[in-house]
Amino acid sequence: MRFQLRVANQLAEFALRAAGLDPTNFRKLYWDVFDKKATLPADVVCPYFLSDESVNAKVWVASFGPHVAYLEIEVADEIIGNRIRERLTHYSEESRGMSVSERERKELLAKIDKIVAAEGVNLKKAELGGDVLTRPAQESLMRFCDEMDHTYRALVYWRFRDTTMSKEDRVFAAKWLAGRYAIEKDPYLWYQLSMVLYNGKNLAGPEIADELIQILKNPRYGESRCMLCDVLRRTKDSRATSVLVSALDEDELAWMALESLAKLRATEHVERIRKLLRHPRADVRRQAKKTLAKLGFPVEVPPPPVHLVKNQKSMPKDLEEWSTNLDMEDLDPTVEKLTQCVESGFTRTEVAEISGVVDGMKHNQTRTFRFPVSANKNASELWVAVFMDDIESPDLYIFATPEIIHRLGAITEGKGQ
């Protein structure tokens, strides 16, 4: 079956998930369109996770309007298709989906407060340390969670993050949270459970080490397991180091496993960590460098940032601009193309200088470099700016003479040597 509807852009992922569709591929398409890496119309496959059988829905995106996404859904299974349509319609623009979701969330939060109040507990006070979330209150929340639709269960899980509990009840809550992985089918809820355990007050105790190890070893849970690497580290279980070393083989877990191994002072695994300096993902390579440095085995230090400038106000007005958005692993190869565009002033040393600065940049930071260069026997300036629009997708800006920009464009398009 096939049907169309309109959903508010900011509600689209939520609505798809509420309908039982994993919105991961939809999210990627949205950002690819936003970053101008993809154009619409386009379609993505969203797995239906509420069925024991393998069922996929094809989601066509006609456009992302100023406020509304125009979608067309196709599902081979008519029964499941009707379930998906009913749920998506509930949160569609025609149903005023934003108002519906806001009302539902407020009503559920009020009900959660009422449930624990019936057990003599003030939830707000328990979060501030003035009250204790008792075992009866915990059990009432857990029963309510079982009765809820998957869409809002994270509201219950997060009630266990900051609340004050006795040591025995913290263990009880942590084991329940870890056990929910096997129950939940929604990948979003696996991630939420990880974040609650990661951020929760003293939830990372040795009593849940067995559960954490089972989850970390199960690839079914994908990237949602990432933060559990550090949760396992905090349990102080003797098996933590070996499990984290095994996690280095999974791209989704590698960077957090590296960070956790640094905190465990796992110097006996330096050679294994050193291999990740050649990992295809830039975030893993950067974390491998940091981990080795923390363990006392620093890698080669990049050249000092002597060409770094504070702003672009002194940039010559006659320079032309070339820019692109790229994945982090493509930054060095792209910048290195500039070495073919000038006769002197920009070599692999300058590329390494830029790379060393970028490795330490944070989200939304910009760093600008000025290089005196020579091209066609004429002295000029080459400016390079990097904006960390996303930690894995920086924006690269190059300002140079028309001759250099033309040469760079030819090489980038595969026309140069």
Protein backbone atom coordinates (compact mmCIF):
# COMPACT_ATOMS: atom_id res chain seq x y z
CA MET A 1 0.00 0.00 0.00
CA ARG A 2 1.00 3.59 -0.58
CA PHE A 3 -0.13 6.87 1.00
CA GLN A 4 0.90 10.52 1.30
CA LEU A 5 0.89 13.01 4.15
CA ARG A 6 2.50 16.17 5.49
CA VAL A 7 4.45 16.30 8.76
CA ALA A 8 6.14 19.25 10.47
CA ASN A 9 9.88 19.12 9.78
CA GLN A 10 10.79 19.17 13.48
CA LEU A 11 8.30 16.35 14.17
CA ALA A 12 9.06 14.09 11.20
CA GLU A 13 11.63 11.84 12.90
CA PHE A 14 9.47 11.53 16.00
CA ALA A 15 6.39 10.67 13.92
CA LEU A 16 8.22 8.01 11.93
CA ARG A 17 9.55 6.46 15.14
CA ALA A 18 6.10 6.58 16.76
CA ALA A 19 4.82 4.65 13.72
CA GLY A 20 7.48 1.97 14.31
CA LEU A 21 9.89 3.11 11.60
CA ASP A 22 13.59 3.55 12.28
CA PRO A 23 14.25 7.13 11.04
CA THR A 24 18.06 6.80 10.80
CA ASN A 25 18.17 6.90 6.99
CA PHE A 26 15.56 9.67 6.90
CA ARG A 27 17.69 11.76 9.28
CA LYS A 28 20.75 11.27 7.10
CA LEU A 29 18.83 12.34 4.00
CA TYR A 30 17.58 15.47 5.80
CA TRP A 31 21.09 16.58 6.70
CA ASP A 32 22.47 15.61 3.29
CA VAL A 33 19.85 17.89 1.72
CA PHE A 34 20.63 20.63 4.25
CA ASP A 35 24.37 20.32 3.49
CA LYS A 36 23.61 20.23 -0.25
CA LYS A 37 25.00 16.71 -0.61
CA ALA A 38 21.65 15.42 -1.89
CA THR A 39 18.66 16.76 -3.79
CA LEU A 40 14.95 16.05 -3.62
CA PRO A 41 12.80 14.20 -4.44
CA ALA A 42 14.56 11.17 -2.98
CA ASP A 43 13.64 8.00 -1.14
CA VAL A 44 15.06 6.07 1.81
CA VAL A 45 14.34 2.71 3.40
CA CYS A 46 13.11 2.75 7.01
CA PRO A 47 12.94 -0.65 8.77
CA TYR A 48 9.76 -1.38 10.74
CA PHE A 49 11.00 -2.44 14.16
CA LEU A 50 7.69 -3.39 15.80
CA SER A 51 7.45 -6.65 13.85
CA ASP A 52 9.35 -9.88 14.50
CA GLU A 53 9.50 -10.30 10.74
CA SER A 54 11.76 -8.19 8.54
CA VAL A 55 9.56 -5.43 7.12
CA ASN A 56 10.75 -2.24 5.41
CA ALA A 57 8.93 0.89 4.39
CA LYS A 58 10.08 3.04 1.51
CA VAL A 59 9.77 6.73 2.36
CA TRP A 60 9.72 9.18 -0.54
CA VAL A 61 10.52 12.76 0.42
CA ALA A 62 9.05 15.15 -2.14
CA SER A 63 10.42 18.22 -0.36
CA PHE A 64 11.40 19.76 2.94
CA GLY A 65 9.38 22.95 2.87
CA PRO A 66 10.01 25.92 5.19
CA HIS A 67 8.11 24.12 7.92
CA VAL A 68 6.66 20.89 6.51
CA ALA A 69 8.01 17.65 5.04
CA TYR A 70 5.95 16.16 2.21
CA LEU A 71 6.18 12.37 2.45
CA GLU A 72 4.94 9.34 0.56
CA ILE A 73 5.11 5.95 2.28
CA GLU A 74 5.03 2.53 0.62
CA VAL A 75 4.72 -0.73 2.56
CA ALA A 76 4.20 -4.17 0.99
CA ASP A 77 2.40 -5.57 4.06
CA GLU A 78 -1.06 -3.98 4.09
CA ILE A 79 -1.82 -4.70 7.75
CA ILE A 80 1.45 -3.12 8.91
CA GLY A 81 0.98 -0.34 6.36
CA ASN A 82 -2.38 0.56 7.89
CA ARG A 83 -0.80 0.65 11.37
CA ILE A 84 1.93 2.97 10.11
CA ARG A 85 -0.56 5.22 8.31
CA GLU A 86 -2.82 5.48 11.37
CA ARG A 87 0.07 6.50 13.61
CA LEU A 88 1.62 8.93 11.12
CA THR A 89 -1.77 10.53 10.49
CA HIS A 90 -2.08 11.06 14.26
CA TYR A 91 1.00 13.32 14.13
CA SER A 92 0.44 14.81 10.68
CA GLU A 93 -0.15 18.46 9.89
CA GLU A 94 -3.81 17.68 9.21
CA SER A 95 -4.10 16.46 12.81
CA ARG A 96 -2.05 19.37 14.19
CA GLY A 97 0.65 16.90 15.15
CA MET A 98 2.89 19.35 17.03
CA SER A 99 0.08 20.27 19.42
CA VAL A 100 -0.87 16.62 19.81
CA SER A 101 2.65 15.52 20.76
CA GLU A 102 3.13 18.43 23.18
CA ARG A 103 -0.18 17.67 24.90
CA GLU A 104 0.59 13.95 25.17
CA ARG A 105 4.02 14.62 26.65
CA LYS A 106 2.66 17.01 29.28
CA GLU A 107 -0.10 14.58 30.23
CA LEU A 108 2.36 11.69 30.64
CA LEU A 109 4.77 13.75 32.76
CA ALA A 110 1.88 14.74 35.00
CA LYS A 111 0.82 11.09 35.28
CA ILE A 112 4.39 10.05 36.20
CA ASP A 113 4.41 12.64 39.01
CA LYS A 114 1.04 11.35 40.20
CA ILE A 115 2.20 7.71 40.18
CA VAL A 116 5.19 8.33 42.45
CA ALA A 117 3.17 10.75 44.61
CA ALA A 118 0.78 7.87 45.34
CA GLU A 119 3.78 6.12 46.94
CA GLY A 120 4.56 9.18 49.08
CA VAL A 121 7.40 10.48 46.88
CA ASN A 122 7.80 13.97 45.41
CA LEU A 123 9.70 13.41 42.17
CA LYS A 124 11.11 16.94 41.96
CA LYS A 125 12.40 16.71 45.53
CA ALA A 126 13.89 13.29 44.78
CA GLU A 127 15.79 14.81 41.85
CA LEU A 128 17.14 17.58 44.10
CA GLY A 129 18.14 15.24 46.92
CA GLY A 130 15.34 16.22 49.29
CA ASP A 131 13.35 13.04 48.86
CA VAL A 132 14.13 9.39 48.09
CA LEU A 133 12.72 7.36 45.20
CA THR A 134 11.62 4.33 47.18
CA ARG A 135 11.35 0.75 45.92
CA PRO A 136 7.51 0.91 45.73
CA ALA A 137 7.76 4.14 43.70
CA GLN A 138 10.32 2.53 41.39
CA GLU A 139 8.15 -0.52 40.87
CA SER A 140 5.12 1.66 40.08
CA LEU A 141 7.11 3.50 37.42
CA MET A 142 8.31 0.22 35.97
CA ARG A 143 4.77 -1.14 35.71
CA PHE A 144 3.64 2.07 34.04
CA CYS A 145 6.50 1.76 31.56
CA ASP A 146 5.30 -1.72 30.58
CA GLU A 147 1.81 -0.32 29.91
CA MET A 148 3.06 2.59 27.77
CA ASP A 149 3.45 2.75 24.04
CA HIS A 150 7.14 2.72 23.07
CA THR A 151 6.91 6.31 21.80
CA TYR A 152 7.25 7.96 25.22
CA ARG A 153 8.97 5.33 27.36
CA ALA A 154 12.13 7.43 27.55
CA LEU A 155 10.19 9.78 29.85
CA VAL A 156 10.13 6.99 32.44
CA TYR A 157 13.75 5.95 31.91
CA TRP A 158 15.04 9.47 32.53
CA ARG A 159 13.23 9.64 35.90
CA PHE A 160 15.93 7.27 37.20
CA ARG A 161 18.89 9.44 36.16
CA ASP A 162 19.00 12.14 38.83
CA THR A 163 16.72 10.82 41.54
CA THR A 164 18.04 10.01 44.99
CA MET A 165 17.90 6.30 45.83
CA SER A 166 19.35 3.98 48.43
CA LYS A 167 22.36 1.95 47.29
CA GLU A 168 20.29 -1.23 47.12
CA ASP A 169 17.60 0.50 45.07
CA ARG A 170 20.17 2.04 42.70
CA VAL A 171 21.31 -1.48 41.87
CA PHE A 172 17.69 -2.55 41.40
CA ALA A 173 17.06 0.36 39.02
CA ALA A 174 20.30 -0.11 37.09
CA LYS A 175 19.61 -3.81 36.51
CA TRP A 176 16.10 -2.99 35.32
CA LEU A 177 17.41 -0.35 32.90
CA ALA A 178 20.06 -2.70 31.52
CA GLY A 179 17.46 -5.44 31.15
CA ARG A 180 15.26 -3.19 29.02
CA TYR A 181 17.66 -3.57 26.08
CA ALA A 182 16.38 -7.07 25.43
CA ILE A 183 12.76 -5.89 25.67
CA GLU A 184 12.84 -2.74 23.56
CA LYS A 185 12.79 -2.94 19.77
CA ASP A 186 13.15 0.79 19.14
CA PRO A 187 16.84 1.71 18.48
CA TYR A 188 16.16 5.21 19.84
CA LEU A 189 15.27 3.72 23.23
CA TRP A 190 18.51 1.71 23.32
CA TYR A 191 20.36 5.01 22.96
CA GLN A 192 18.23 6.64 25.67
CA LEU A 193 18.92 3.77 28.07
CA SER A 194 22.66 4.15 27.43
CA MET A 195 22.52 7.87 28.18
CA VAL A 196 20.56 7.34 31.40
CA LEU A 197 23.11 4.78 32.62
CA TYR A 198 25.97 7.02 31.51
CA ASN A 199 24.62 10.17 33.19
CA GLY A 200 22.83 8.56 36.13
CA LYS A 201 23.82 9.09 39.75
CA ASN A 202 25.95 6.10 40.72
CA LEU A 203 24.09 3.71 38.40
CA ALA A 204 27.35 2.28 37.03
CA GLY A 205 28.00 -0.25 39.76
CA PRO A 206 29.80 -3.61 39.56
CA GLU A 207 26.47 -5.39 39.95
CA ILE A 208 25.50 -4.62 36.31
CA ALA A 209 28.84 -5.54 34.71
CA ASP A 210 27.50 -8.85 33.36
CA GLU A 211 24.56 -7.12 31.68
CA LEU A 212 26.77 -4.41 30.21
CA ILE A 213 29.21 -6.93 28.76
CA GLN A 214 26.38 -8.87 27.11
CA ILE A 215 25.02 -5.67 25.55
CA LEU A 216 28.44 -4.49 24.36
CA LYS A 217 29.11 -7.84 22.73
CA ASN A 218 25.78 -7.83 20.88
CA PRO A 219 26.08 -6.01 17.51
CA ARG A 220 22.29 -5.83 17.30
CA TYR A 221 22.39 -2.70 19.46
CA GLY A 222 24.74 -0.86 17.11
CA GLU A 223 25.96 2.62 17.95
CA SER A 224 23.62 2.93 20.93
CA ARG A 225 26.19 0.95 22.95
CA CYS A 226 28.87 3.63 22.57
CA MET A 227 28.46 5.36 25.95
CA LEU A 228 28.22 1.99 27.71
CA CYS A 229 31.96 1.60 27.14
CA ASP A 230 32.55 4.21 29.81
CA VAL A 231 29.75 2.85 32.01
CA LEU A 232 31.53 -0.53 32.01
CA ARG A 233 34.83 1.18 32.79
CA ARG A 234 33.24 2.82 35.85
CA THR A 235 32.03 -0.54 37.21
CA LYS A 236 35.73 -1.40 37.85
CA ASP A 237 35.04 -4.94 36.67
CA SER A 238 38.22 -6.92 35.97
CA ARG A 239 36.93 -7.85 32.49
CA ALA A 240 36.42 -4.24 31.38
CA THR A 241 39.78 -3.78 29.68
CA SER A 242 39.54 -6.90 27.52
CA VAL A 243 35.95 -6.10 26.51
CA LEU A 244 36.91 -2.54 25.57
CA VAL A 245 39.86 -3.75 23.51
CA SER A 246 37.46 -6.01 21.60
CA ALA A 247 35.19 -3.00 21.07
CA LEU A 248 38.00 -1.30 19.12
CA ASP A 249 37.07 -3.54 16.20
CA GLU A 250 33.69 -1.80 15.85
CA ASP A 251 33.71 1.64 14.27
CA GLU A 252 30.68 2.80 16.28
CA LEU A 253 32.34 1.98 19.60
CA ALA A 254 36.02 2.61 18.91
CA TRP A 255 36.37 6.26 19.97
CA MET A 256 34.64 5.81 23.34
CA ALA A 257 36.45 2.52 23.94
CA LEU A 258 39.72 4.41 23.35
CA GLU A 259 38.77 7.15 25.78
CA SER A 260 37.81 4.57 28.41
CA LEU A 261 41.05 2.62 27.91
CA ALA A 262 43.00 5.83 28.53
CA LYS A 263 41.20 6.25 31.86
CA LEU A 264 41.97 2.62 32.73
CA ARG A 265 45.69 3.26 32.02
CA ALA A 266 45.72 0.27 29.68
CA THR A 267 49.38 0.65 28.67
CA GLU A 268 49.65 -3.05 27.84
CA HIS A 269 47.48 -2.42 24.77
CA VAL A 270 49.47 0.48 23.30
CA GLU A 271 50.35 -1.39 20.11
CA ARG A 272 46.72 -2.32 19.51
CA ILE A 273 45.74 1.32 20.02
CA ARG A 274 48.54 2.53 17.76
CA LYS A 275 47.02 0.61 14.83
CA LEU A 276 43.99 2.90 14.99
CA LEU A 277 46.14 5.86 13.94
CA ARG A 278 45.47 4.60 10.41
CA HIS A 279 41.72 4.12 10.93
CA PRO A 280 39.55 5.42 8.05
CA ARG A 281 37.43 7.51 10.45
CA ALA A 282 38.99 10.80 11.51
CA ASP A 283 37.29 10.83 14.94
CA VAL A 284 38.84 7.46 15.76
CA ARG A 285 42.29 8.59 14.58
CA ARG A 286 42.08 11.73 16.72
CA GLN A 287 40.99 9.78 19.79
CA ALA A 288 43.79 7.24 19.25
CA LYS A 289 46.30 10.11 19.33
CA LYS A 290 44.76 11.49 22.54
CA THR A 291 44.70 8.06 24.17
CA LEU A 292 48.34 7.36 23.34
CA ALA A 293 49.33 10.75 24.72
CA LYS A 294 47.44 10.12 27.98
CA LEU A 295 49.13 6.72 28.29
CA GLY A 296 52.54 8.33 27.90
CA PHE A 297 53.17 7.33 24.28
CA PRO A 298 52.54 10.53 22.28
CA VAL A 299 52.66 10.36 18.50
CA GLU A 300 54.59 12.82 16.37
CA VAL A 301 53.76 16.38 17.37
CA PRO A 302 52.33 18.47 14.49
CA PRO A 303 54.15 21.64 13.40
CA PRO A 304 53.36 24.71 15.53
CA PRO A 305 50.45 26.81 14.18
CA VAL A 306 52.64 29.73 13.12
CA HIS A 307 50.33 30.66 10.24
CA LEU A 308 47.19 30.90 12.38
CA VAL A 309 45.51 34.33 12.32
CA LYS A 310 42.77 35.73 14.52
CA ASN A 311 40.50 37.07 11.79
CA GLN A 312 40.15 37.62 8.08
CA LYS A 313 40.01 41.42 8.08
CA SER A 314 43.50 41.79 6.63
CA MET A 315 42.81 39.40 3.74
CA PRO A 316 43.58 41.00 0.34
CA LYS A 317 40.40 42.01 -1.48
CA ASP A 318 41.47 40.57 -4.83
CA LEU A 319 41.50 36.93 -3.71
CA GLU A 320 38.92 34.49 -5.05
CA GLU A 321 37.11 31.90 -2.93
CA TRP A 322 36.81 28.14 -3.30
CA SER A 323 34.80 26.25 -0.68
CA THR A 324 33.33 22.86 0.04
CA ASN A 325 31.73 20.82 2.82
CA LEU A 326 33.43 17.47 3.31
CA ASP A 327 33.82 14.55 5.65
CA MET A 328 36.69 14.82 8.09
CA GLU A 329 38.68 12.03 6.45
CA ASP A 330 38.64 14.01 3.19
CA LEU A 331 40.05 17.21 4.71
CA ASP A 332 43.77 16.38 4.51
CA PRO A 333 43.62 14.95 0.96
CA THR A 334 41.72 18.03 -0.21
CA VAL A 335 44.06 20.54 1.45
CA GLU A 336 47.05 18.59 0.15
CA LYS A 337 45.94 19.37 -3.41
CA LEU A 338 47.04 22.95 -2.77
CA THR A 339 50.67 21.80 -2.74
CA GLN A 340 50.27 21.20 -6.50
CA CYS A 341 48.92 24.71 -7.07
CA VAL A 342 51.90 26.74 -5.80
CA GLU A 343 55.65 26.71 -6.31
CA SER A 344 56.59 27.41 -2.70
CA GLY A 345 55.12 28.35 0.66
CA PHE A 346 52.65 25.49 1.03
CA THR A 347 53.98 21.97 1.49
CA ARG A 348 53.08 18.85 3.45
CA THR A 349 54.42 20.63 6.54
CA GLU A 350 51.71 23.29 6.20
CA VAL A 351 49.10 20.58 5.60
CA ALA A 352 50.20 18.91 8.84
CA GLU A 353 49.97 22.28 10.62
CA ILE A 354 46.35 22.71 9.55
CA SER A 355 45.53 19.11 10.45
CA GLY A 356 47.05 19.50 13.91
CA VAL A 357 44.88 22.55 14.65
CA VAL A 358 41.72 20.97 13.25
CA ASP A 359 42.22 17.89 15.43
CA GLY A 360 41.70 20.08 18.50
CA MET A 361 38.73 22.08 17.18
CA LYS A 362 35.26 21.91 18.67
CA HIS A 363 31.81 22.26 17.14
CA ASN A 364 31.09 25.74 15.70
CA GLN A 365 34.72 26.87 15.92
CA THR A 366 36.54 28.53 13.01
CA ARG A 367 40.30 28.62 12.46
CA THR A 368 41.97 30.71 9.75
CA PHE A 369 45.50 30.42 8.32
CA ARG A 370 47.53 32.79 6.15
CA PHE A 371 50.38 31.44 4.01
CA PRO A 372 52.77 33.59 1.93
CA VAL A 373 53.20 31.59 -1.30
CA SER A 374 54.67 31.84 -4.75
CA ALA A 375 52.76 30.82 -7.89
CA ASN A 376 53.82 31.44 -11.48
CA LYS A 377 56.88 33.19 -10.02
CA ASN A 378 54.63 35.78 -8.37
CA ALA A 379 54.42 36.29 -4.60
CA SER A 380 50.89 36.17 -3.20
CA GLU A 381 48.88 35.00 -0.22
CA LEU A 382 46.94 31.79 0.34
CA TRP A 383 44.30 31.80 3.07
CA VAL A 384 42.68 28.64 4.44
CA ALA A 385 39.72 28.67 6.84
CA VAL A 386 38.02 25.69 8.48
CA PHE A 387 34.62 25.96 10.13
CA MET A 388 33.59 22.97 12.24
CA ASP A 389 29.97 22.95 11.14
CA ASP A 390 29.78 19.37 12.35
CA ILE A 391 32.51 17.53 14.23
CA GLU A 392 32.78 15.08 11.33
CA SER A 393 31.85 17.40 8.44
CA PRO A 394 33.90 20.63 8.41
CA ASP A 395 33.45 23.45 5.93
CA LEU A 396 36.67 24.30 4.07
CA TYR A 397 37.28 27.75 2.58
CA ILE A 398 40.29 28.60 0.42
CA PHE A 399 41.10 32.13 -0.70
CA ALA A 400 43.81 32.68 -3.30
CA THR A 401 44.61 34.34 -6.61
CA PRO A 402 42.41 33.43 -9.59
CA GLU A 403 45.26 31.34 -11.04
CA ILE A 404 45.59 29.21 -7.90
CA ILE A 405 41.81 28.80 -7.52
CA HIS A 406 41.50 27.79 -11.19
CA ARG A 407 44.29 25.24 -10.77
CA LEU A 408 42.70 23.84 -7.59
CA GLY A 409 39.33 23.52 -9.31
CA ALA A 410 40.91 21.65 -12.22
CA ILE A 411 42.74 19.22 -9.90
CA THR A 412 39.64 18.68 -7.72
CA GLU A 413 37.53 17.90 -10.77
CA GLY A 414 40.16 15.44 -11.98
CA LYS A 415 41.39 17.58 -14.85
CA GLY A 416 44.79 18.43 -13.34
CA GLN A 417 47.84 16.31 -12.72
